[in-house]
Amino acid sequence: MNILRAISITSSHLLNFIREQLIALNEAFRLPMATSIRSLRGLLISLLVGLFVAIIAVGMQPFGLDLFTHEQKTELLLGFGGVATFAMLIVKFILPAIFPKFYDKQNWTIARQTLHFLIMVLLITSLIVVYSNIFHIITFKIIDILKIFALSIIPVIITTFIQQRVFQNKFAACAELINGALQKLANAESEQTLSALVLGEKGERLSLLPNQFIYAETAKDTADIYWQNFLGVEKTTIHADIEKELSANDQFIHLDKHIIVNIKGILKVEGNARGYQVRIARTTREIAVPWRFHKKLERLIQASKAA
């Protein structure tokens, strides 16, 4: 009976341990992650992957490619790179357009990145196999695709977690430096007097002190301006281009193609593996800063050192 009881207790502990690990793994897969879909970075990555595949095919000629003979062998082997690039463009641009909900950058996680990588491996492998079979370079079978896909699962998961940790550490550390820079810039400029902002055209002008301006969302012909008055934050819509007026002052920066923020209106910058998240003071607005605008924030670190 004691033996049975010991086995029962051990089994219970083991099951609890497994359950805890599965819960932890599930939470880990929900961690935020960066993505290069629908971006210039994604295009560059696609071209680099194609170049890498082409170099391997022509330079190393693995999987029996060295035995392939043809008067246009080099051109056909370079075609593997073109096929890989085409597959990458499908994954980076076409699939996100077809399935926008899944490829939402603001909800991108390790789980989605892992699946994204696996789809990429499967598509590249499948198209390369089809290309190779059509031109009789090497004959592959469906089982070969499945073998490569199966072998890629563990490396893809490990690579994704490593990427997440690297990005998390990088942006979290930079966010702290940016917050320190914002505080230093605010103290250095606290005694400076700036001329009033005059936004808009005649008949629809909004005059503000620079520190009253919080942020603005611009469109083609209009701008929604959020500014501080005596009662709180007010929104004013102006039918004019306000970027020229604001760009003349380093106090106002772009955090997105259509969002201009007063650096003194930034409450806090937070960093995670997706990049920077900016919280605007006196509002509930949070701005996810696209990667191509990261340098705008990071330049504040250098600006604070010169202040």
C-alpha atoms as a PDB file:
ATOM      1  CA  MET A   1       0.000   0.000   0.000  1.00  0.00           C
ATOM      2  CA  ASN A   2       2.854   2.355   0.813  1.00  0.00           C
ATOM      3  CA  ILE A   3       4.370   1.672  -2.604  1.00  0.00           C
ATOM      4  CA  LEU A   4       1.061   2.380  -4.341  1.00  0.00           C
ATOM      5  CA  ARG A   5       0.628   5.557  -2.338  1.00  0.00           C
ATOM      6  CA  ALA A   6       4.162   6.697  -3.206  1.00  0.00           C
ATOM      7  CA  ILE A   7       3.515   6.003  -6.888  1.00  0.00           C
ATOM      8  CA  SER A   8       0.230   7.919  -6.690  1.00  0.00           C
ATOM      9  CA  ILE A   9       1.878  10.939  -5.028  1.00  0.00           C
ATOM     10  CA  THR A  10       4.774  10.896  -7.495  1.00  0.00           C
ATOM     11  CA  SER A  11       2.380  10.684 -10.442  1.00  0.00           C
ATOM     12  CA  SER A  12       0.345  13.576  -9.051  1.00  0.00           C
ATOM     13  CA  HIS A  13       3.457  15.713  -8.626  1.00  0.00           C
ATOM     14  CA  LEU A  14       4.609  14.830 -12.125  1.00  0.00           C
ATOM     15  CA  LEU A  15       1.241  15.749 -13.644  1.00  0.00           C
ATOM     16  CA  ASN A  16       1.210  19.046 -11.749  1.00  0.00           C
ATOM     17  CA  PHE A  17       4.729  19.783 -12.963  1.00  0.00           C
ATOM     18  CA  ILE A  18       3.748  19.035 -16.563  1.00  0.00           C
ATOM     19  CA  ARG A  19       0.623  21.188 -16.239  1.00  0.00           C
ATOM     20  CA  GLU A  20       2.644  24.109 -14.820  1.00  0.00           C
ATOM     21  CA  GLN A  21       5.183  23.831 -17.634  1.00  0.00           C
ATOM     22  CA  LEU A  22       2.457  23.795 -20.273  1.00  0.00           C
ATOM     23  CA  ILE A  23       0.846  26.884 -18.698  1.00  0.00           C
ATOM     24  CA  ALA A  24       4.234  28.635 -18.642  1.00  0.00           C
ATOM     25  CA  LEU A  25       4.875  27.661 -22.264  1.00  0.00           C
ATOM     26  CA  ASN A  26       1.455  28.963 -23.286  1.00  0.00           C
ATOM     27  CA  GLU A  27       2.162  32.282 -21.551  1.00  0.00           C
ATOM     28  CA  ALA A  28       5.592  32.449 -23.217  1.00  0.00           C
ATOM     29  CA  PHE A  29       4.037  32.000 -26.652  1.00  0.00           C
ATOM     30  CA  ARG A  30       1.767  34.992 -25.891  1.00  0.00           C
ATOM     31  CA  LEU A  31       4.711  37.360 -25.340  1.00  0.00           C
ATOM     32  CA  PRO A  32       4.867  40.344 -27.757  1.00  0.00           C
ATOM     33  CA  MET A  33       7.102  39.999 -30.778  1.00  0.00           C
ATOM     34  CA  ALA A  34       8.310  42.213 -33.610  1.00  0.00           C
ATOM     35  CA  THR A  35       7.483  41.496 -37.230  1.00  0.00           C
ATOM     36  CA  SER A  36       8.772  42.696 -40.597  1.00  0.00           C
ATOM     37  CA  ILE A  37       5.579  42.022 -42.568  1.00  0.00           C
ATOM     38  CA  ARG A  38       4.446  44.729 -44.991  1.00  0.00           C
ATOM     39  CA  SER A  39       7.552  46.850 -44.513  1.00  0.00           C
ATOM     40  CA  LEU A  40      10.737  47.884 -46.266  1.00  0.00           C
ATOM     41  CA  ARG A  41      12.598  45.689 -43.802  1.00  0.00           C
ATOM     42  CA  GLY A  42      10.472  42.749 -44.958  1.00  0.00           C
ATOM     43  CA  LEU A  43      11.346  43.474 -48.586  1.00  0.00           C
ATOM     44  CA  LEU A  44      15.055  43.612 -47.768  1.00  0.00           C
ATOM     45  CA  ILE A  45      14.837  40.352 -45.816  1.00  0.00           C
ATOM     46  CA  SER A  46      13.078  38.711 -48.794  1.00  0.00           C
ATOM     47  CA  LEU A  47      15.844  39.802 -51.147  1.00  0.00           C
ATOM     48  CA  LEU A  48      18.573  38.659 -48.740  1.00  0.00           C
ATOM     49  CA  VAL A  49      16.957  35.226 -48.330  1.00  0.00           C
ATOM     50  CA  GLY A  50      16.774  34.865 -52.109  1.00  0.00           C
ATOM     51  CA  LEU A  51      20.414  35.940 -52.445  1.00  0.00           C
ATOM     52  CA  PHE A  52      21.478  33.470 -49.750  1.00  0.00           C
ATOM     53  CA  VAL A  53      19.630  30.580 -51.435  1.00  0.00           C
ATOM     54  CA  ALA A  54      21.144  31.497 -54.813  1.00  0.00           C
ATOM     55  CA  ILE A  55      24.675  31.605 -53.369  1.00  0.00           C
ATOM     56  CA  ILE A  56      24.198  28.211 -51.693  1.00  0.00           C
ATOM     57  CA  ALA A  57      22.735  26.676 -54.863  1.00  0.00           C
ATOM     58  CA  VAL A  58      25.468  27.979 -57.170  1.00  0.00           C
ATOM     59  CA  GLY A  59      28.426  27.984 -54.793  1.00  0.00           C
ATOM     60  CA  MET A  60      27.926  24.813 -52.733  1.00  0.00           C
ATOM     61  CA  GLN A  61      25.510  22.862 -54.961  1.00  0.00           C
ATOM     62  CA  PRO A  62      24.124  20.616 -52.183  1.00  0.00           C
ATOM     63  CA  PHE A  63      21.555  17.785 -52.439  1.00  0.00           C
ATOM     64  CA  GLY A  64      23.125  16.443 -55.621  1.00  0.00           C
ATOM     65  CA  LEU A  65      23.045  19.701 -57.550  1.00  0.00           C
ATOM     66  CA  ASP A  66      26.693  19.124 -58.457  1.00  0.00           C
ATOM     67  CA  LEU A  67      25.587  16.124 -60.530  1.00  0.00           C
ATOM     68  CA  PHE A  68      23.104  18.183 -62.535  1.00  0.00           C
ATOM     69  CA  THR A  69      24.309  18.973 -66.043  1.00  0.00           C
ATOM     70  CA  HIS A  70      22.772  21.511 -68.381  1.00  0.00           C
ATOM     71  CA  GLU A  71      24.048  24.167 -70.756  1.00  0.00           C
ATOM     72  CA  GLN A  72      22.246  26.793 -68.637  1.00  0.00           C
ATOM     73  CA  LYS A  73      23.058  25.231 -65.287  1.00  0.00           C
ATOM     74  CA  THR A  74      24.131  28.468 -63.560  1.00  0.00           C
ATOM     75  CA  GLU A  75      20.982  30.308 -64.628  1.00  0.00           C
ATOM     76  CA  LEU A  76      18.756  27.444 -63.488  1.00  0.00           C
ATOM     77  CA  LEU A  77      20.515  27.257 -60.124  1.00  0.00           C
ATOM     78  CA  LEU A  78      20.157  31.014 -59.691  1.00  0.00           C
ATOM     79  CA  GLY A  79      16.447  30.426 -60.224  1.00  0.00           C
ATOM     80  CA  PHE A  80      16.296  28.811 -56.791  1.00  0.00           C
ATOM     81  CA  GLY A  81      17.077  32.229 -55.347  1.00  0.00           C
ATOM     82  CA  GLY A  82      14.323  33.838 -57.389  1.00  0.00           C
ATOM     83  CA  VAL A  83      11.836  31.216 -56.214  1.00  0.00           C
ATOM     84  CA  ALA A  84      12.858  31.769 -52.579  1.00  0.00           C
ATOM     85  CA  THR A  85      12.422  35.540 -52.960  1.00  0.00           C
ATOM     86  CA  PHE A  86       8.982  35.044 -54.539  1.00  0.00           C
ATOM     87  CA  ALA A  87       7.932  32.771 -51.661  1.00  0.00           C
ATOM     88  CA  MET A  88       9.154  35.323 -49.115  1.00  0.00           C
ATOM     89  CA  LEU A  89       7.196  38.117 -50.803  1.00  0.00           C
ATOM     90  CA  ILE A  90       4.058  35.986 -50.628  1.00  0.00           C
ATOM     91  CA  VAL A  91       4.558  35.456 -46.894  1.00  0.00           C
ATOM     92  CA  LYS A  92       5.578  39.051 -46.140  1.00  0.00           C
ATOM     93  CA  PHE A  93       3.044  40.915 -48.271  1.00  0.00           C
ATOM     94  CA  ILE A  94       0.348  38.808 -49.967  1.00  0.00           C
ATOM     95  CA  LEU A  95      -0.732  36.629 -47.022  1.00  0.00           C
ATOM     96  CA  PRO A  96      -0.947  39.650 -44.651  1.00  0.00           C
ATOM     97  CA  ALA A  97      -3.238  41.342 -47.192  1.00  0.00           C
ATOM     98  CA  ILE A  98      -5.455  38.251 -47.366  1.00  0.00           C
ATOM     99  CA  PHE A  99      -5.493  37.593 -43.603  1.00  0.00           C
ATOM    100  CA  PRO A 100      -5.135  41.057 -41.999  1.00  0.00           C
ATOM    101  CA  LYS A 101      -6.622  39.986 -38.663  1.00  0.00           C
ATOM    102  CA  PHE A 102      -4.007  37.296 -38.088  1.00  0.00           C
ATOM    103  CA  TYR A 103      -1.170  39.528 -39.299  1.00  0.00           C
ATOM    104  CA  ASP A 104      -2.129  42.495 -37.082  1.00  0.00           C
ATOM    105  CA  LYS A 105       1.212  43.947 -35.972  1.00  0.00           C
ATOM    106  CA  GLN A 106      -0.205  45.260 -32.696  1.00  0.00           C
ATOM    107  CA  ASN A 107      -1.174  41.721 -31.642  1.00  0.00           C
ATOM    108  CA  TRP A 108       1.909  39.955 -32.972  1.00  0.00           C
ATOM    109  CA  THR A 109       3.249  37.330 -30.565  1.00  0.00           C
ATOM    110  CA  ILE A 110       5.854  34.589 -30.401  1.00  0.00           C
ATOM    111  CA  ALA A 111       3.161  32.076 -31.349  1.00  0.00           C
ATOM    112  CA  ARG A 112       2.245  34.012 -34.505  1.00  0.00           C
ATOM    113  CA  GLN A 113       5.893  34.595 -35.373  1.00  0.00           C
ATOM    114  CA  THR A 114       6.607  30.871 -35.017  1.00  0.00           C
ATOM    115  CA  LEU A 115       3.683  29.964 -37.258  1.00  0.00           C
ATOM    116  CA  HIS A 116       4.763  32.689 -39.695  1.00  0.00           C
ATOM    117  CA  PHE A 117       8.269  31.174 -39.877  1.00  0.00           C
ATOM    118  CA  LEU A 118       6.906  27.662 -40.383  1.00  0.00           C
ATOM    119  CA  ILE A 119       4.610  28.838 -43.187  1.00  0.00           C
ATOM    120  CA  MET A 120       7.620  30.538 -44.738  1.00  0.00           C
ATOM    121  CA  VAL A 121       9.728  27.348 -44.558  1.00  0.00           C
ATOM    122  CA  LEU A 122       6.897  25.249 -45.968  1.00  0.00           C
ATOM    123  CA  LEU A 123       6.190  27.640 -48.845  1.00  0.00           C
ATOM    124  CA  ILE A 124       9.856  28.153 -49.791  1.00  0.00           C
ATOM    125  CA  THR A 125      10.508  24.405 -49.697  1.00  0.00           C
ATOM    126  CA  SER A 126       7.368  23.579 -51.695  1.00  0.00           C
ATOM    127  CA  LEU A 127       8.044  26.137 -54.433  1.00  0.00           C
ATOM    128  CA  ILE A 128      11.695  25.101 -54.716  1.00  0.00           C
ATOM    129  CA  VAL A 129      10.617  21.469 -55.062  1.00  0.00           C
ATOM    130  CA  VAL A 130       8.068  22.377 -57.751  1.00  0.00           C
ATOM    131  CA  TYR A 131      10.674  24.485 -59.587  1.00  0.00           C
ATOM    132  CA  SER A 132      13.275  21.717 -59.388  1.00  0.00           C
ATOM    133  CA  ASN A 133      10.854  19.064 -60.643  1.00  0.00           C
ATOM    134  CA  ILE A 134       9.562  21.222 -63.518  1.00  0.00           C
ATOM    135  CA  PHE A 135      13.062  21.839 -64.868  1.00  0.00           C
ATOM    136  CA  HIS A 136      14.232  18.285 -63.988  1.00  0.00           C
ATOM    137  CA  ILE A 137      17.087  19.589 -61.853  1.00  0.00           C
ATOM    138  CA  ILE A 138      16.530  17.179 -58.955  1.00  0.00           C
ATOM    139  CA  THR A 139      13.420  15.104 -58.415  1.00  0.00           C
ATOM    140  CA  PHE A 140      11.939  15.635 -54.966  1.00  0.00           C
ATOM    141  CA  LYS A 141       8.942  13.926 -53.403  1.00  0.00           C
ATOM    142  CA  ILE A 142       6.262  15.259 -51.069  1.00  0.00           C
ATOM    143  CA  ILE A 143       7.824  13.298 -48.215  1.00  0.00           C
ATOM    144  CA  ASP A 144      10.999  15.363 -48.655  1.00  0.00           C
ATOM    145  CA  ILE A 145       9.000  18.561 -48.050  1.00  0.00           C
ATOM    146  CA  LEU A 146       7.452  17.086 -44.918  1.00  0.00           C
ATOM    147  CA  LYS A 147      10.864  15.974 -43.613  1.00  0.00           C
ATOM    148  CA  ILE A 148      12.338  19.466 -44.015  1.00  0.00           C
ATOM    149  CA  PHE A 149       9.255  21.010 -42.404  1.00  0.00           C
ATOM    150  CA  ALA A 150       9.421  18.621 -39.431  1.00  0.00           C
ATOM    151  CA  LEU A 151      13.145  19.210 -38.944  1.00  0.00           C
ATOM    152  CA  SER A 152      12.615  22.992 -38.952  1.00  0.00           C
ATOM    153  CA  ILE A 153      10.056  23.123 -36.117  1.00  0.00           C
ATOM    154  CA  ILE A 154      12.463  23.013 -33.149  1.00  0.00           C
ATOM    155  CA  PRO A 155      15.070  25.385 -34.696  1.00  0.00           C
ATOM    156  CA  VAL A 156      12.311  27.847 -35.614  1.00  0.00           C
ATOM    157  CA  ILE A 157      10.886  27.864 -32.075  1.00  0.00           C
ATOM    158  CA  ILE A 158      14.329  28.291 -30.513  1.00  0.00           C
ATOM    159  CA  THR A 159      15.274  31.061 -32.964  1.00  0.00           C
ATOM    160  CA  THR A 160      12.017  32.913 -32.312  1.00  0.00           C
ATOM    161  CA  PHE A 161      12.488  32.872 -28.537  1.00  0.00           C
ATOM    162  CA  ILE A 162      16.072  34.079 -28.917  1.00  0.00           C
ATOM    163  CA  GLN A 163      14.912  36.926 -31.173  1.00  0.00           C
ATOM    164  CA  GLN A 164      12.210  37.883 -28.694  1.00  0.00           C
ATOM    165  CA  ARG A 165      14.675  38.037 -25.804  1.00  0.00           C
ATOM    166  CA  VAL A 166      17.171  40.114 -27.813  1.00  0.00           C
ATOM    167  CA  PHE A 167      14.502  42.617 -28.925  1.00  0.00           C
ATOM    168  CA  GLN A 168      12.945  42.759 -25.450  1.00  0.00           C
ATOM    169  CA  ASN A 169      16.254  43.571 -23.768  1.00  0.00           C
ATOM    170  CA  LYS A 170      17.236  46.094 -26.446  1.00  0.00           C
ATOM    171  CA  PHE A 171      14.047  48.144 -26.480  1.00  0.00           C
ATOM    172  CA  ALA A 172      13.430  47.983 -22.742  1.00  0.00           C
ATOM    173  CA  ALA A 173      16.933  49.345 -22.085  1.00  0.00           C
ATOM    174  CA  CYS A 174      16.623  52.049 -24.764  1.00  0.00           C
ATOM    175  CA  ALA A 175      13.211  53.080 -23.434  1.00  0.00           C
ATOM    176  CA  GLU A 176      14.748  53.798 -20.039  1.00  0.00           C
ATOM    177  CA  LEU A 177      17.449  55.930 -21.660  1.00  0.00           C
ATOM    178  CA  ILE A 178      14.820  57.832 -23.660  1.00  0.00           C
ATOM    179  CA  ASN A 179      12.759  58.501 -20.518  1.00  0.00           C
ATOM    180  CA  GLY A 180      15.867  59.863 -18.823  1.00  0.00           C
ATOM    181  CA  ALA A 181      16.585  62.018 -21.861  1.00  0.00           C
ATOM    182  CA  LEU A 182      13.038  63.406 -21.876  1.00  0.00           C
ATOM    183  CA  GLN A 183      13.340  64.372 -18.228  1.00  0.00           C
ATOM    184  CA  LYS A 184      16.691  66.060 -18.807  1.00  0.00           C
ATOM    185  CA  LEU A 185      15.411  67.945 -21.863  1.00  0.00           C
ATOM    186  CA  ALA A 186      12.345  69.103 -19.938  1.00  0.00           C
ATOM    187  CA  ASN A 187      14.526  70.507 -17.147  1.00  0.00           C
ATOM    188  CA  ALA A 188      16.982  72.132 -19.572  1.00  0.00           C
ATOM    189  CA  GLU A 189      14.245  73.871 -21.545  1.00  0.00           C
ATOM    190  CA  SER A 190      11.975  74.781 -18.640  1.00  0.00           C
ATOM    191  CA  GLU A 191      13.137  78.386 -18.617  1.00  0.00           C
ATOM    192  CA  GLN A 192      13.164  78.881 -22.372  1.00  0.00           C
ATOM    193  CA  THR A 193      10.439  81.042 -23.886  1.00  0.00           C
ATOM    194  CA  LEU A 194       9.132  80.059 -27.293  1.00  0.00           C
ATOM    195  CA  SER A 195       6.985  82.061 -29.663  1.00  0.00           C
ATOM    196  CA  ALA A 196       3.353  81.070 -30.060  1.00  0.00           C
ATOM    197  CA  LEU A 197       2.299  78.477 -32.595  1.00  0.00           C
ATOM    198  CA  VAL A 198      -0.121  79.664 -35.241  1.00  0.00           C
ATOM    199  CA  LEU A 199      -1.683  76.649 -36.905  1.00  0.00           C
ATOM    200  CA  GLY A 200      -4.081  76.759 -39.823  1.00  0.00           C
ATOM    201  CA  GLU A 201      -5.041  79.240 -42.485  1.00  0.00           C
ATOM    202  CA  LYS A 202      -6.789  82.591 -42.191  1.00  0.00           C
ATOM    203  CA  GLY A 203     -10.274  82.192 -40.752  1.00  0.00           C
ATOM    204  CA  GLU A 204      -9.430  78.872 -39.122  1.00  0.00           C
ATOM    205  CA  ARG A 205      -6.347  79.587 -37.070  1.00  0.00           C
ATOM    206  CA  LEU A 206      -5.444  78.078 -33.726  1.00  0.00           C
ATOM    207  CA  SER A 207      -2.898  79.990 -31.642  1.00  0.00           C
ATOM    208  CA  LEU A 208      -1.182  78.037 -28.881  1.00  0.00           C
ATOM    209  CA  LEU A 209       1.809  78.272 -26.640  1.00  0.00           C
ATOM    210  CA  PRO A 210       4.161  75.424 -27.616  1.00  0.00           C
ATOM    211  CA  ASN A 211       3.607  73.600 -24.337  1.00  0.00           C
ATOM    212  CA  GLN A 212      -0.156  73.676 -24.836  1.00  0.00           C
ATOM    213  CA  PHE A 213       0.199  71.504 -27.923  1.00  0.00           C
ATOM    214  CA  ILE A 214       0.143  67.793 -26.993  1.00  0.00           C
ATOM    215  CA  TYR A 215      -0.087  65.893 -30.258  1.00  0.00           C
ATOM    216  CA  ALA A 216      -1.770  65.909 -33.655  1.00  0.00           C
ATOM    217  CA  GLU A 217      -3.079  63.306 -36.068  1.00  0.00           C
ATOM    218  CA  THR A 218      -2.728  64.465 -39.653  1.00  0.00           C
ATOM    219  CA  ALA A 219      -4.541  63.382 -42.802  1.00  0.00           C
ATOM    220  CA  LYS A 220      -4.281  64.568 -46.395  1.00  0.00           C
ATOM    221  CA  ASP A 221      -6.077  67.874 -45.904  1.00  0.00           C
ATOM    222  CA  THR A 222      -6.883  68.005 -42.188  1.00  0.00           C
ATOM    223  CA  ALA A 223      -5.288  67.736 -38.776  1.00  0.00           C
ATOM    224  CA  ASP A 224      -6.852  66.818 -35.440  1.00  0.00           C
ATOM    225  CA  ILE A 225      -4.967  68.797 -32.804  1.00  0.00           C
ATOM    226  CA  TYR A 226      -5.083  67.806 -29.144  1.00  0.00           C
ATOM    227  CA  TRP A 227      -4.098  70.661 -26.865  1.00  0.00           C
ATOM    228  CA  GLN A 228      -4.269  71.692 -23.232  1.00  0.00           C
ATOM    229  CA  ASN A 229      -6.655  74.396 -22.076  1.00  0.00           C
ATOM    230  CA  PHE A 230      -7.734  75.447 -18.582  1.00  0.00           C
ATOM    231  CA  LEU A 231     -10.400  72.735 -18.350  1.00  0.00           C
ATOM    232  CA  GLY A 232      -8.451  69.837 -19.800  1.00  0.00           C
ATOM    233  CA  VAL A 233      -7.522  68.399 -23.188  1.00  0.00           C
ATOM    234  CA  GLU A 234      -9.399  69.768 -26.185  1.00  0.00           C
ATOM    235  CA  LYS A 235      -9.516  68.518 -29.761  1.00  0.00           C
ATOM    236  CA  THR A 236      -9.601  70.985 -32.660  1.00  0.00           C
ATOM    237  CA  THR A 237      -9.806  70.002 -36.324  1.00  0.00           C
ATOM    238  CA  ILE A 238      -8.036  72.261 -38.807  1.00  0.00           C
ATOM    239  CA  HIS A 239      -8.248  72.007 -42.584  1.00  0.00           C
ATOM    240  CA  ALA A 240      -4.619  72.816 -43.293  1.00  0.00           C
ATOM    241  CA  ASP A 241      -1.103  71.415 -43.405  1.00  0.00           C
ATOM    242  CA  ILE A 242       0.468  71.987 -39.993  1.00  0.00           C
ATOM    243  CA  GLU A 243       3.680  70.034 -40.513  1.00  0.00           C
ATOM    244  CA  LYS A 244       5.685  72.982 -41.845  1.00  0.00           C
ATOM    245  CA  GLU A 245       4.975  75.050 -38.740  1.00  0.00           C
ATOM    246  CA  LEU A 246       5.765  72.213 -36.354  1.00  0.00           C
ATOM    247  CA  SER A 247       8.833  70.876 -38.157  1.00  0.00           C
ATOM    248  CA  ALA A 248      10.616  74.172 -37.531  1.00  0.00           C
ATOM    249  CA  ASN A 249      10.838  73.290 -33.832  1.00  0.00           C
ATOM    250  CA  ASP A 250      12.747  70.279 -32.448  1.00  0.00           C
ATOM    251  CA  GLN A 251      10.202  70.076 -29.648  1.00  0.00           C
ATOM    252  CA  PHE A 252       7.781  68.336 -32.029  1.00  0.00           C
ATOM    253  CA  ILE A 253       8.615  64.966 -33.591  1.00  0.00           C
ATOM    254  CA  HIS A 254       6.944  62.388 -35.805  1.00  0.00           C
ATOM    255  CA  LEU A 255       6.197  59.082 -34.069  1.00  0.00           C
ATOM    256  CA  ASP A 256       4.226  57.831 -37.040  1.00  0.00           C
ATOM    257  CA  LYS A 257       3.597  58.989 -40.586  1.00  0.00           C
ATOM    258  CA  HIS A 258       0.459  60.786 -39.406  1.00  0.00           C
ATOM    259  CA  ILE A 259       1.228  61.523 -35.743  1.00  0.00           C
ATOM    260  CA  ILE A 260       3.252  64.501 -34.472  1.00  0.00           C
ATOM    261  CA  VAL A 261       3.961  64.695 -30.740  1.00  0.00           C
ATOM    262  CA  ASN A 262       5.269  67.364 -28.421  1.00  0.00           C
ATOM    263  CA  ILE A 263       8.161  65.687 -26.601  1.00  0.00           C
ATOM    264  CA  LYS A 264       7.045  67.481 -23.445  1.00  0.00           C
ATOM    265  CA  GLY A 265       3.686  65.784 -23.854  1.00  0.00           C
ATOM    266  CA  ILE A 266       5.214  62.305 -23.648  1.00  0.00           C
ATOM    267  CA  LEU A 267       4.369  60.766 -20.306  1.00  0.00           C
ATOM    268  CA  LYS A 268       6.444  57.623 -20.690  1.00  0.00           C
ATOM    269  CA  VAL A 269       8.156  55.451 -23.282  1.00  0.00           C
ATOM    270  CA  GLU A 270       7.901  51.704 -22.794  1.00  0.00           C
ATOM    271  CA  GLY A 271       9.886  49.113 -24.700  1.00  0.00           C
ATOM    272  CA  ASN A 272       9.136  45.501 -25.514  1.00  0.00           C
ATOM    273  CA  ALA A 273      10.008  43.085 -28.315  1.00  0.00           C
ATOM    274  CA  ARG A 274       7.627  44.897 -30.704  1.00  0.00           C
ATOM    275  CA  GLY A 275       9.487  48.184 -30.241  1.00  0.00           C
ATOM    276  CA  TYR A 276       8.454  51.370 -28.459  1.00  0.00           C
ATOM    277  CA  GLN A 277       5.066  52.232 -26.988  1.00  0.00           C
ATOM    278  CA  VAL A 278       4.589  55.919 -26.175  1.00  0.00           C
ATOM    279  CA  ARG A 279       2.050  57.042 -23.564  1.00  0.00           C
ATOM    280  CA  ILE A 280       0.790  60.587 -24.044  1.00  0.00           C
ATOM    281  CA  ALA A 281       0.361  62.803 -20.985  1.00  0.00           C
ATOM    282  CA  ARG A 282      -3.139  63.889 -19.905  1.00  0.00           C
ATOM    283  CA  THR A 283      -4.732  61.423 -22.331  1.00  0.00           C
ATOM    284  CA  THR A 284      -5.313  57.680 -22.548  1.00  0.00           C
ATOM    285  CA  ARG A 285      -3.617  57.549 -25.937  1.00  0.00           C
ATOM    286  CA  GLU A 286      -0.782  55.099 -26.500  1.00  0.00           C
ATOM    287  CA  ILE A 287       1.193  55.134 -29.731  1.00  0.00           C
ATOM    288  CA  ALA A 288       2.939  52.062 -31.108  1.00  0.00           C
ATOM    289  CA  VAL A 289       5.944  53.553 -32.883  1.00  0.00           C
ATOM    290  CA  PRO A 290       6.755  51.905 -36.235  1.00  0.00           C
ATOM    291  CA  TRP A 291      10.340  50.704 -36.617  1.00  0.00           C
ATOM    292  CA  ARG A 292      11.226  53.324 -39.216  1.00  0.00           C
ATOM    293  CA  PHE A 293      10.426  56.055 -36.653  1.00  0.00           C
ATOM    294  CA  HIS A 294      12.483  54.542 -33.828  1.00  0.00           C
ATOM    295  CA  LYS A 295      15.446  56.768 -34.647  1.00  0.00           C
ATOM    296  CA  LYS A 296      13.287  59.834 -33.993  1.00  0.00           C
ATOM    297  CA  LEU A 297      12.944  58.781 -30.373  1.00  0.00           C
ATOM    298  CA  GLU A 298      16.486  57.489 -29.995  1.00  0.00           C
ATOM    299  CA  ARG A 299      17.941  60.814 -31.196  1.00  0.00           C
ATOM    300  CA  LEU A 300      16.541  62.364 -28.015  1.00  0.00           C
ATOM    301  CA  ILE A 301      19.252  60.503 -26.085  1.00  0.00           C
ATOM    302  CA  GLN A 302      21.975  62.360 -28.005  1.00  0.00           C
ATOM    303  CA  ALA A 303      20.040  65.620 -27.790  1.00  0.00           C
ATOM    304  CA  SER A 304      19.894  65.369 -23.991  1.00  0.00           C
ATOM    305  CA  LYS A 305      23.667  64.883 -23.817  1.00  0.00           C
ATOM    306  CA  ALA A 306      24.180  68.070 -25.817  1.00  0.00           C
ATOM    307  CA  ALA A 307      21.665  70.038 -23.722  1.00  0.00           C
END
